[in-house]
Protein backbone atom coordinates (compact mmCIF):
# COMPACT_ATOMS: atom_id res chain seq x y z
CA MET A 1 112.06 85.85 119.13
CA LEU A 2 115.88 86.17 118.96
CA PRO A 3 117.82 83.69 116.82
CA LEU A 4 119.94 81.25 118.89
CA SER A 5 123.14 82.48 117.30
CA CYS A 6 122.68 86.04 118.52
CA CYS A 7 121.32 85.55 122.03
CA ALA A 8 124.73 85.81 123.70
CA LYS A 9 125.60 88.98 121.81
CA LYS A 10 122.34 90.76 122.48
CA LEU A 11 121.76 89.85 126.12
CA GLN A 12 123.46 91.62 128.99
CA PRO A 13 124.24 89.78 132.27
CA ALA A 14 121.08 91.15 133.88
CA GLN A 15 119.11 89.53 131.06
CA LYS A 16 120.39 85.94 131.44
CA ASP A 17 117.10 84.64 132.77
CA ARG A 18 115.30 86.18 129.86
CA GLY A 19 117.87 84.65 127.53
CA LYS A 20 117.19 81.19 128.95
CA GLU A 21 113.48 81.68 128.26
CA ILE A 22 114.23 82.57 124.65
CA LEU A 23 116.53 79.57 124.19
CA LEU A 24 113.95 77.20 125.64
CA ASP A 25 111.22 78.73 123.48
CA SER A 26 113.36 78.13 120.41
CA LEU A 27 114.11 74.54 121.38
CA PHE A 28 110.47 73.67 122.00
CA GLU A 29 109.39 75.44 118.86
CA ASN A 30 111.70 73.26 116.75
CA MET A 31 110.84 69.94 118.40
CA HIS A 32 108.88 67.45 116.29
CA ASN A 33 109.31 69.60 113.20
CA ASP A 34 108.76 66.54 111.01
CA LYS A 35 105.25 66.18 112.48
CA LYS A 36 104.18 69.68 111.42
CA PRO A 37 101.84 70.09 108.43
CA LEU A 38 103.55 70.83 105.13
CA ALA A 39 102.05 74.31 105.02
CA GLU A 40 103.74 75.10 108.33
CA LYS A 41 107.11 73.64 107.28
CA MET A 42 107.03 75.62 104.03
CA ARG A 43 106.13 78.88 105.74
CA PRO A 44 108.49 81.59 104.39
CA GLN A 45 111.01 82.92 106.88
CA ASN A 46 111.83 86.24 105.19
CA LEU A 47 110.55 88.66 102.57
CA ASP A 48 112.62 87.08 99.80
CA GLU A 49 110.79 83.76 100.31
CA PHE A 50 107.38 85.41 100.68
CA VAL A 51 105.11 84.79 97.68
CA GLY A 52 102.38 87.07 96.38
CA GLN A 53 100.96 90.40 97.64
CA LYS A 54 103.34 92.42 95.46
CA HIS A 55 100.94 95.35 95.68
CA ILE A 56 101.89 95.82 99.35
CA VAL A 57 105.31 94.14 99.82
CA GLY A 58 106.79 94.44 96.33
CA THR A 59 110.02 96.39 95.85
CA GLY A 60 109.51 99.98 96.87
CA LYS A 61 106.02 99.46 98.33
CA LEU A 62 105.12 101.11 101.63
CA LEU A 63 104.80 98.01 103.81
CA ARG A 64 108.09 96.56 102.54
CA ARG A 65 109.86 99.84 103.29
CA LEU A 66 108.40 99.84 106.81
CA ILE A 67 109.50 96.24 107.39
CA GLU A 68 113.02 96.87 106.13
CA ALA A 69 113.28 99.99 108.29
CA GLN A 70 111.90 98.05 111.31
CA ARG A 71 109.23 100.70 111.75
CA VAL A 72 106.06 98.70 111.19
CA PRO A 73 103.18 100.30 113.13
CA SER A 74 100.07 98.51 114.30
CA VAL A 75 98.42 97.02 111.24
CA ILE A 76 95.39 95.03 110.17
CA PHE A 77 95.75 92.46 107.39
CA TYR A 78 92.50 91.38 105.80
CA GLY A 79 91.77 89.07 102.91
CA PRO A 80 90.93 85.46 102.00
CA PRO A 81 92.44 82.54 103.98
CA GLY A 82 95.78 81.10 102.91
CA THR A 83 97.10 84.33 101.41
CA GLY A 84 100.00 84.92 103.81
CA LYS A 85 98.60 87.17 106.53
CA THR A 86 99.98 85.19 109.49
CA THR A 87 103.22 84.45 107.66
CA LEU A 88 103.93 88.11 106.99
CA ALA A 89 103.15 88.94 110.61
CA ARG A 90 105.80 86.43 111.74
CA ILE A 91 108.32 87.85 109.27
CA ILE A 92 107.71 91.34 110.63
CA ALA A 93 108.30 90.19 114.21
CA ASP A 94 111.43 88.20 113.32
CA THR A 95 112.86 91.06 111.26
CA SER A 96 112.62 93.43 114.22
CA ASP A 97 113.93 90.92 116.81
CA SER A 98 110.79 91.55 118.83
CA LYS A 99 108.80 89.19 120.98
CA PHE A 100 105.94 87.52 119.14
CA VAL A 101 102.68 86.49 120.82
CA LYS A 102 99.81 84.88 118.95
CA LEU A 103 96.20 84.80 120.14
CA ASN A 104 92.94 83.79 118.53
CA ALA A 105 90.00 86.11 119.01
CA ILE A 106 87.60 83.18 119.33
CA SER A 107 89.33 81.62 122.33
CA SER A 108 90.99 84.58 124.09
CA GLY A 109 89.29 86.85 126.61
CA VAL A 110 90.02 90.19 128.24
CA ALA A 111 91.98 88.55 131.10
CA GLU A 112 94.35 86.82 128.65
CA VAL A 113 94.89 90.05 126.75
CA LYS A 114 95.71 91.92 129.96
CA THR A 115 98.31 89.27 130.82
CA VAL A 116 99.97 89.79 127.43
CA ILE A 117 99.88 93.58 127.90
CA GLU A 118 101.44 93.41 131.37
CA GLN A 119 104.25 91.17 130.14
CA ALA A 120 104.81 93.40 127.09
CA LYS A 121 105.12 96.45 129.33
CA LYS A 122 107.62 94.64 131.58
CA ASP A 123 109.72 93.43 128.61
CA PHE A 124 109.83 96.95 127.21
CA GLU A 125 110.79 98.58 130.51
CA VAL A 126 113.43 96.00 131.48
CA TYR A 127 114.85 94.84 128.13
CA GLY A 128 113.74 97.55 125.71
CA GLN A 129 111.99 94.86 123.68
CA LYS A 130 108.65 95.53 121.99
CA THR A 131 105.99 92.84 121.63
CA TYR A 132 104.05 92.04 118.49
CA LEU A 133 100.60 90.70 119.23
CA LEU A 134 99.20 88.71 116.34
CA LEU A 135 95.46 88.27 116.67
CA ASP A 136 93.78 85.86 114.27
CA GLU A 137 90.08 86.36 113.49
CA CYS A 138 90.39 89.82 115.04
CA HIS A 139 86.93 90.83 113.79
CA ARG A 140 85.49 88.45 116.41
CA TRP A 141 86.68 90.62 119.31
CA SER A 142 84.11 92.52 121.34
CA LYS A 143 84.38 96.23 122.06
CA ALA A 144 85.59 95.48 125.61
CA GLN A 145 88.37 93.24 124.31
CA SER A 146 89.39 95.81 121.69
CA ASP A 147 89.36 98.69 124.17
CA SER A 148 91.70 96.79 126.50
CA LEU A 149 94.48 97.24 123.92
CA LEU A 150 94.17 100.98 123.35
CA ALA A 151 96.49 102.24 126.09
CA ALA A 152 99.22 99.74 125.18
CA LEU A 153 99.06 100.72 121.51
CA GLU A 154 99.30 104.42 122.30
CA ASN A 155 102.27 103.89 124.64
CA GLY A 156 104.09 101.96 121.92
CA TYR A 157 105.33 98.87 123.76
CA LEU A 158 102.72 96.65 122.10
CA ILE A 159 102.32 96.52 118.33
CA PHE A 160 99.10 94.99 117.10
CA ILE A 161 98.82 92.85 113.96
CA GLY A 162 95.25 91.83 113.34
CA CYS A 163 94.40 89.18 110.74
CA THR A 164 90.89 88.80 109.45
CA THR A 165 88.92 87.60 106.45
CA GLU A 166 86.41 90.43 106.97
CA ASN A 167 86.72 94.07 105.93
CA PRO A 168 87.71 95.82 109.19
CA SER A 169 85.91 99.01 108.18
CA TYR A 170 82.60 97.47 109.15
CA SER A 171 83.60 94.37 111.17
CA MET A 172 85.86 95.95 113.83
CA THR A 173 85.55 98.75 116.35
CA ARG A 174 86.47 102.17 115.04
CA ALA A 175 88.87 102.86 117.93
CA ILE A 176 91.16 99.98 116.91
CA VAL A 177 90.93 100.56 113.16
CA SER A 178 91.78 104.25 113.57
CA ARG A 179 95.05 103.30 115.29
CA CYS A 180 96.10 100.82 112.60
CA SER A 181 97.21 100.87 109.00
CA VAL A 182 95.01 98.54 106.95
CA PHE A 183 96.39 96.34 104.15
CA GLU A 184 94.27 94.16 101.90
CA PHE A 185 95.59 90.73 100.89
CA LYS A 186 94.47 89.22 97.59
CA ARG A 187 94.16 85.60 96.48
CA LEU A 188 97.41 84.19 95.14
CA GLY A 189 97.73 83.63 91.42
CA VAL A 190 98.25 80.23 89.84
CA ASP A 191 101.92 80.90 89.04
CA ASP A 192 102.63 81.99 92.62
CA ILE A 193 101.06 78.85 94.05
CA LYS A 194 102.89 76.63 91.55
CA SER A 195 106.20 78.11 92.69
CA VAL A 196 105.34 77.21 96.31
CA LEU A 197 104.38 73.66 95.30
CA LYS A 198 107.64 73.18 93.38
CA ARG A 199 109.63 74.36 96.39
CA ALA A 200 107.75 71.94 98.65
CA ILE A 201 108.44 69.01 96.30
CA SER A 202 112.19 69.70 96.12
CA SER A 203 112.78 70.78 99.72
CA ASP A 204 114.45 68.53 102.30
CA ASP A 205 112.04 69.97 104.87
CA GLY A 206 109.16 69.33 102.53
CA LEU A 207 108.32 66.34 100.35
CA LYS A 208 111.66 65.53 98.74
CA LYS A 209 111.81 62.09 100.39
CA TYR A 210 108.66 61.03 98.49
CA ASN A 211 110.38 61.52 95.10
CA ILE A 212 107.21 63.07 93.66
CA LYS A 213 106.57 63.08 89.93
CA ILE A 214 103.79 65.42 88.88
CA ASP A 215 103.15 66.83 85.42
CA ASP A 216 102.34 70.47 84.77
CA ASP A 217 98.67 69.70 84.09
CA ALA A 218 98.17 68.20 87.57
CA MET A 219 100.17 70.93 89.28
CA THR A 220 98.23 73.64 87.43
CA TYR A 221 95.02 71.94 88.51
CA ILE A 222 96.03 72.05 92.19
CA ALA A 223 97.09 75.70 91.88
CA SER A 224 93.80 76.59 90.18
CA ALA A 225 91.36 74.47 92.20
CA CYS A 226 92.56 75.73 95.60
CA GLY A 227 90.94 79.10 94.98
CA GLY A 228 94.05 81.16 95.69
CA ASP A 229 94.57 79.48 99.10
CA VAL A 230 98.18 78.27 99.22
CA ARG A 231 97.56 76.39 102.47
CA SER A 232 94.82 74.36 100.79
CA ALA A 233 97.12 73.63 97.84
CA LEU A 234 99.94 72.39 100.10
CA ASN A 235 97.54 70.29 102.18
CA GLY A 236 96.24 68.61 99.04
CA LEU A 237 99.75 67.94 97.74
CA GLU A 238 100.83 66.50 101.08
CA ILE A 239 97.82 64.16 101.25
CA GLY A 240 98.62 62.98 97.74
CA ALA A 241 102.26 62.31 98.64
CA ILE A 242 101.43 60.41 101.83
CA THR A 243 98.61 58.26 100.41
CA THR A 244 99.88 57.46 96.91
CA PRO A 245 101.90 54.18 96.66
CA GLU A 246 105.28 54.32 94.94
CA ASN A 247 105.63 52.78 91.50
CA GLU A 248 108.30 50.28 90.47
CA ASN A 249 110.80 53.16 90.06
CA ASN A 250 110.27 54.32 93.65
CA GLU A 251 108.40 57.39 92.39
CA THR A 252 105.24 58.89 93.85
CA VAL A 253 103.25 59.82 90.76
CA ILE A 254 100.50 62.35 91.42
CA THR A 255 98.01 62.64 88.59
CA LYS A 256 95.30 65.20 88.06
CA GLU A 257 92.72 62.67 89.30
CA ILE A 258 94.69 61.99 92.49
CA ALA A 259 95.09 65.73 93.04
CA ALA A 260 91.34 66.28 92.63
CA GLU A 261 90.58 63.50 95.11
CA CYS A 262 93.00 64.94 97.67
CA LEU A 263 91.52 68.41 97.28
CA GLN A 264 88.04 66.84 97.48
CA LYS A 265 87.09 68.48 94.23
CA LYS A 266 86.01 67.09 90.88
CA ALA A 267 88.82 67.22 88.33
CA THR A 268 87.84 69.47 85.46
CA SER A 269 87.67 67.76 82.08
CA LEU A 270 87.79 71.12 80.27
CA ASN A 271 90.91 72.69 78.91
CA GLU A 272 91.31 76.44 79.28
CA ASP A 273 90.05 77.30 75.79
CA VAL A 274 86.89 75.20 76.10
CA TYR A 275 86.22 76.59 79.57
CA TYR A 276 86.27 80.20 78.37
CA GLU A 277 84.24 79.34 75.27
CA LEU A 278 81.49 77.72 77.37
CA LEU A 279 81.55 80.55 79.91
CA SER A 280 81.26 83.13 77.13
CA ALA A 281 78.32 81.25 75.60
CA PHE A 282 76.66 81.09 79.02
CA CYS A 283 77.01 84.85 79.57
CA LYS A 284 75.75 85.73 76.10
CA SER A 285 72.77 83.41 76.54
CA LEU A 286 71.86 85.19 79.78
CA ARG A 287 72.03 88.54 78.00
CA GLY A 288 70.13 87.18 75.01
CA SER A 289 67.22 85.87 77.13
CA ASP A 290 67.65 82.26 75.98
CA SER A 291 67.00 80.34 79.18
CA THR A 292 67.41 76.91 77.56
CA ALA A 293 70.86 77.73 76.21
CA ALA A 294 71.96 79.38 79.46
CA LEU A 295 70.97 76.32 81.51
CA TYR A 296 72.63 73.98 79.02
CA TYR A 297 75.96 75.81 79.13
CA ALA A 298 75.75 76.19 82.90
CA ASN A 299 75.36 72.45 83.40
CA ARG A 300 78.03 71.67 80.79
CA LEU A 301 80.42 73.72 82.93
CA ILE A 302 79.31 72.05 86.17
CA GLU A 303 79.66 68.58 84.64
CA GLY A 304 83.10 69.62 83.42
CA GLY A 305 84.20 70.20 87.01
CA ILE A 306 83.78 73.98 87.30
CA GLU A 307 82.61 75.19 90.69
CA PRO A 308 78.99 76.39 90.40
CA GLN A 309 79.87 79.51 92.40
CA VAL A 310 81.62 80.76 89.24
CA LEU A 311 78.27 80.66 87.44
CA ALA A 312 76.45 82.29 90.34
CA ARG A 313 78.92 85.17 90.38
CA ARG A 314 78.54 85.68 86.63
CA THR A 315 74.75 85.56 86.97
CA LEU A 316 74.93 88.19 89.70
CA CYS A 317 77.00 90.49 87.48
CA HIS A 318 74.61 90.08 84.55
CA ALA A 319 71.62 90.69 86.81
CA ALA A 320 72.91 94.24 87.29
CA GLU A 321 74.56 94.73 83.91
CA ASP A 322 71.83 93.38 81.60
CA VAL A 323 68.64 93.48 83.70
CA GLY A 324 69.26 96.30 86.11
CA LEU A 325 66.31 98.44 87.13
CA SER A 326 63.90 96.71 84.77
CA ALA A 327 63.68 93.89 87.34
CA PRO A 328 65.74 94.77 90.46
CA ASN A 329 64.88 91.45 92.12
CA ALA A 330 67.19 89.71 89.64
CA VAL A 331 70.16 90.82 91.76
CA LEU A 332 68.53 89.36 94.87
CA GLN A 333 67.84 86.06 93.08
CA ALA A 334 71.46 85.78 91.93
CA ALA A 335 72.84 86.75 95.36
CA ALA A 336 70.59 84.09 96.94
CA ALA A 337 72.01 81.50 94.53
CA LEU A 338 75.57 82.36 95.52
CA TYR A 339 74.63 82.19 99.21
CA ALA A 340 72.88 78.83 98.73
CA LEU A 341 75.86 77.31 96.94
CA ASP A 342 78.19 78.47 99.72
CA HIS A 343 75.97 77.28 102.57
CA LEU A 344 73.78 74.54 101.08
CA GLY A 345 76.16 72.99 98.56
CA MET A 346 75.43 70.74 95.62
CA PRO A 347 73.29 69.24 94.25
CA GLU A 348 70.58 71.17 96.15
CA GLY A 349 72.26 74.51 95.47
CA ASN A 350 71.77 73.95 91.75
CA LEU A 351 68.03 74.42 92.28
CA VAL A 352 68.54 77.97 93.50
CA LEU A 353 71.13 78.64 90.79
CA THR A 354 68.71 77.40 88.12
CA GLN A 355 65.99 79.68 89.47
CA ALA A 356 68.34 82.67 89.33
CA ILE A 357 69.43 81.88 85.77
CA LEU A 358 65.80 81.56 84.65
CA TYR A 359 64.88 84.81 86.40
CA VAL A 360 67.69 86.74 84.70
CA CYS A 361 66.91 85.23 81.30
CA GLU A 362 63.17 85.87 81.49
CA SER A 363 63.49 89.44 82.83
CA PRO A 364 63.29 92.42 80.44
CA LYS A 365 66.74 93.66 79.56
CA ASP A 366 68.09 97.09 80.47
CA ASN A 367 71.76 98.12 80.42
CA ARG A 368 71.32 101.64 81.82
CA VAL A 369 73.14 100.69 85.05
CA VAL A 370 76.40 99.76 83.32
CA VAL A 371 76.11 102.70 80.91
CA ALA A 372 75.63 105.12 83.80
CA MET A 373 78.53 103.56 85.72
CA ASN A 374 80.92 103.81 82.77
CA MET A 375 79.97 107.44 82.05
CA ALA A 376 80.36 108.42 85.72
CA GLN A 377 83.76 106.69 85.95
CA ASP A 378 84.96 108.43 82.80
CA ASP A 379 83.89 111.87 84.02
CA ALA A 380 85.37 111.27 87.48
CA LYS A 381 88.75 110.53 85.85
CA ASN A 382 88.64 113.40 83.34
CA HIS A 383 87.02 116.11 85.53
CA PRO A 384 88.47 115.54 89.02
CA ASP A 385 89.10 119.21 89.85
CA ASP A 386 85.78 120.81 88.92
CA ASN A 387 84.26 122.90 91.67
CA ILE A 388 81.16 121.78 93.53
CA PRO A 389 78.37 124.37 93.39
CA PRO A 390 78.93 126.50 96.52
CA TYR A 391 75.39 126.06 97.88
CA LEU A 392 75.97 122.28 98.08
CA LYS A 393 78.94 122.68 100.40
CA ASN A 394 78.81 122.63 104.19
CA HIS A 395 78.79 125.91 106.12
CA THR A 396 79.46 128.48 103.40
CA PRO A 397 77.76 131.86 102.97
CA GLN A 398 76.08 130.43 99.86
CA SER A 399 74.55 127.52 101.81
CA LYS A 400 71.40 129.60 102.33
CA PHE A 401 70.73 129.35 98.58
CA TYR A 402 70.39 125.57 98.73
CA LYS A 403 66.83 124.46 97.97
CA TYR A 404 65.62 121.70 100.30
CA PRO A 405 63.62 119.36 98.00
CA HIS A 406 61.03 118.48 100.64
CA ASP A 407 60.04 122.13 100.88
CA TYR A 408 58.98 121.85 97.25
CA GLY A 409 57.00 118.62 97.45
CA GLY A 410 60.01 116.27 97.13
CA TYR A 411 61.67 117.73 94.00
CA VAL A 412 63.03 121.09 92.93
CA ASP A 413 65.06 121.96 89.87
CA GLN A 414 68.58 123.11 90.81
CA GLN A 415 72.11 122.45 89.56
CA TYR A 416 74.02 119.72 91.39
CA LEU A 417 76.89 119.04 88.96
CA PRO A 418 79.89 121.32 88.36
CA ASN A 419 79.47 123.80 85.52
CA SER A 420 81.51 121.76 83.04
CA LEU A 421 79.17 118.77 83.56
CA LYS A 422 75.89 120.54 84.28
CA ASP A 423 74.15 119.18 81.17
CA ARG A 424 75.43 115.61 81.55
CA LYS A 425 72.85 112.82 81.85
CA TYR A 426 73.96 109.32 82.85
CA PHE A 427 70.52 107.86 83.31
CA THR A 428 67.33 108.34 81.32
CA LYS A 429 63.89 106.92 81.96
CA LYS A 430 62.40 104.68 79.32
CA ASP A 431 59.72 102.06 78.87
CA ILE A 432 61.23 98.59 78.59
CA LYS A 433 59.56 95.65 76.92
CA LYS A 434 60.97 92.20 76.24
CA SER A 435 60.78 91.51 72.52
């Protein structure tokens, strides 16, 4: 969408009607701005205001260079909610002075997409203006919906920006993914989220009128408890500002307890040092097969306000690292605990978590998985250019020397590793007993 100040300069007489549309769009877009959620009002308008994702939009990074050169191709942004996917899409469209259309894959059908495509083609042919189509939840689109975009993408008058929380490699049709550059968004760090909260508190468009007083402990709690979702953090701060009465000094004081209530989470009573000490004790108890200690530390952490999913994720890691192939079902037990906590919640989810912790503790211990992984990673880094044995390659004269294991009863002795690694063993069989 063109800024109001530049419409007259950019539009020719034949484009006056189009200019009126743009002006009206701008006016309607800015009406009732005070009624918008804080997260919307604090949405960054340019790359300098954009927070996080330095690995893709930091100085000198590919996507930033493309944005600054106004040469952004069709892209797919995927990552957790509240990490800036939609915001960056809007910045891209605004930077290029292109038309911006937003659809949601859940509510839009093929007919709606075709309408957008037809209008995009007309705008390009008449005004030379490209259209950015932002599609939220793009992994929800069917093959028919995805295929309806292909011709427009190839002709260049429509640029697709898909936003999804799912990895597009397995959640979207290959035809669309192959025509897009894929960028992964990561959860925002605590410091990044705190900077957004501070801007919201001091901004005239934000919460300045509430004269908020919040100490660093409460602000750090909000930034930590939101799970890297800046939208969730801003929503919690806004609820706190709106619902907290002013004190005698006309200040809105937001404490850690108020913040926890607004985020609908239990305020942690653990400082950072105690948290990591308890978590370390929990992990070492899992590895040491002391189920009583592991359950004690797990429930100390839960009572202290730590989300039980943290414990489920650690249990899942230890199921592979410390139990491994001695009891492969340990991984399934831990994964089931994480699923139950996400979909069943507490306190019932604690039953499944407890079962997983007990299973990991009581299983025989075996660290061959992590040893094999570390050795393989080290060799991959230090021997990247070694030649594959020629009979393992596709369609070479030496392929006829490859021995098909099933012709030999399922196993035949032959060299698979490069010569420099031919005697390397990452994994050895052994009898495992719990002492």
